[in-house]
Amino acid sequence: MPAKTKEEKLFGAACVYVTLERSGMSPEANELYLSTLAELQLPPEDVERYLGTERMAVEKALARHGQTPG
């Protein structure tokens, strides 16, 4: 299996972030999110920056896979 690109890693981490956010949890304090960042070797700032420009794409992808807002 080929290695994930940085864009793919950011997208995956952003999906975890938004899913936790929607459930009322603080992603920054959640072990699942922190473990995801560690596994993907991403700093939280990169994910936040990514969400600043790509949140709509993340929201659409989650909606396509049954994750509804709120």
Protein backbone atom coordinates (compact mmCIF):
# COMPACT_ATOMS: atom_id res chain seq x y z
CA MET A 1 0.00 0.00 0.00
CA PRO A 2 1.51 3.35 -0.99
CA ALA A 3 2.26 5.91 1.70
CA LYS A 4 -0.37 8.55 2.29
CA THR A 5 0.29 12.01 0.96
CA LYS A 6 0.35 14.93 3.37
CA GLU A 7 -2.97 16.08 1.85
CA GLU A 8 -4.54 12.67 2.59
CA LYS A 9 -3.20 12.74 6.15
CA LEU A 10 -4.55 16.24 6.72
CA PHE A 11 -7.94 15.28 5.31
CA GLY A 12 -8.17 12.22 7.57
CA ALA A 13 -7.17 14.14 10.68
CA ALA A 14 -9.60 16.92 9.76
CA CYS A 15 -12.42 14.36 9.47
CA VAL A 16 -11.65 13.08 12.97
CA TYR A 17 -11.50 16.67 14.26
CA VAL A 18 -14.87 17.67 12.76
CA THR A 19 -16.55 14.44 13.86
CA LEU A 20 -15.45 15.00 17.45
CA GLU A 21 -16.38 18.66 17.27
CA ARG A 22 -19.89 17.74 16.08
CA SER A 23 -20.32 15.33 18.97
CA GLY A 24 -19.62 18.12 21.44
CA MET A 25 -16.15 16.89 22.38
CA SER A 26 -13.04 19.03 22.35
CA PRO A 27 -10.79 17.51 19.68
CA GLU A 28 -7.71 19.12 21.24
CA ALA A 29 -8.33 17.17 24.47
CA ASN A 30 -9.46 13.89 22.90
CA GLU A 31 -7.16 10.87 22.92
CA LEU A 32 -8.45 9.61 19.55
CA TYR A 33 -7.55 12.89 17.84
CA LEU A 34 -4.21 13.19 19.61
CA SER A 35 -3.33 9.60 18.67
CA THR A 36 -4.34 10.28 15.08
CA LEU A 37 -2.02 13.28 14.96
CA ALA A 38 0.83 11.24 16.43
CA GLU A 39 0.30 8.33 14.03
CA LEU A 40 0.13 10.62 11.01
CA GLN A 41 3.01 12.75 12.32
CA LEU A 42 1.03 15.98 11.99
CA PRO A 43 1.12 19.01 14.26
CA PRO A 44 -2.33 20.27 15.29
CA GLU A 45 -1.58 23.65 13.71
CA ASP A 46 -1.38 22.03 10.28
CA VAL A 47 -4.83 20.47 10.70
CA GLU A 48 -6.31 23.74 11.92
CA ARG A 49 -4.81 25.57 8.95
CA TYR A 50 -6.14 22.87 6.61
CA LEU A 51 -9.63 23.20 8.09
CA GLY A 52 -9.41 26.96 7.58
CA THR A 53 -9.40 26.41 3.82
CA GLU A 54 -10.91 22.94 3.35
CA ARG A 55 -13.66 22.67 5.99
CA MET A 56 -16.41 22.62 3.34
CA ALA A 57 -14.79 19.64 1.58
CA VAL A 58 -14.47 17.80 4.89
CA GLU A 59 -18.11 18.56 5.78
CA LYS A 60 -19.29 17.33 2.36
CA ALA A 61 -17.27 14.12 2.64
CA LEU A 62 -18.67 13.38 6.09
CA ALA A 63 -22.20 14.07 4.86
CA ARG A 64 -21.69 11.60 1.98
CA HIS A 65 -20.68 8.96 4.51
CA GLY A 66 -23.63 9.45 6.83
CA GLN A 67 -22.17 11.97 9.27
CA THR A 68 -24.78 14.68 9.64
CA PRO A 69 -24.04 18.01 11.33
CA GLY A 70 -24.89 18.59 14.97
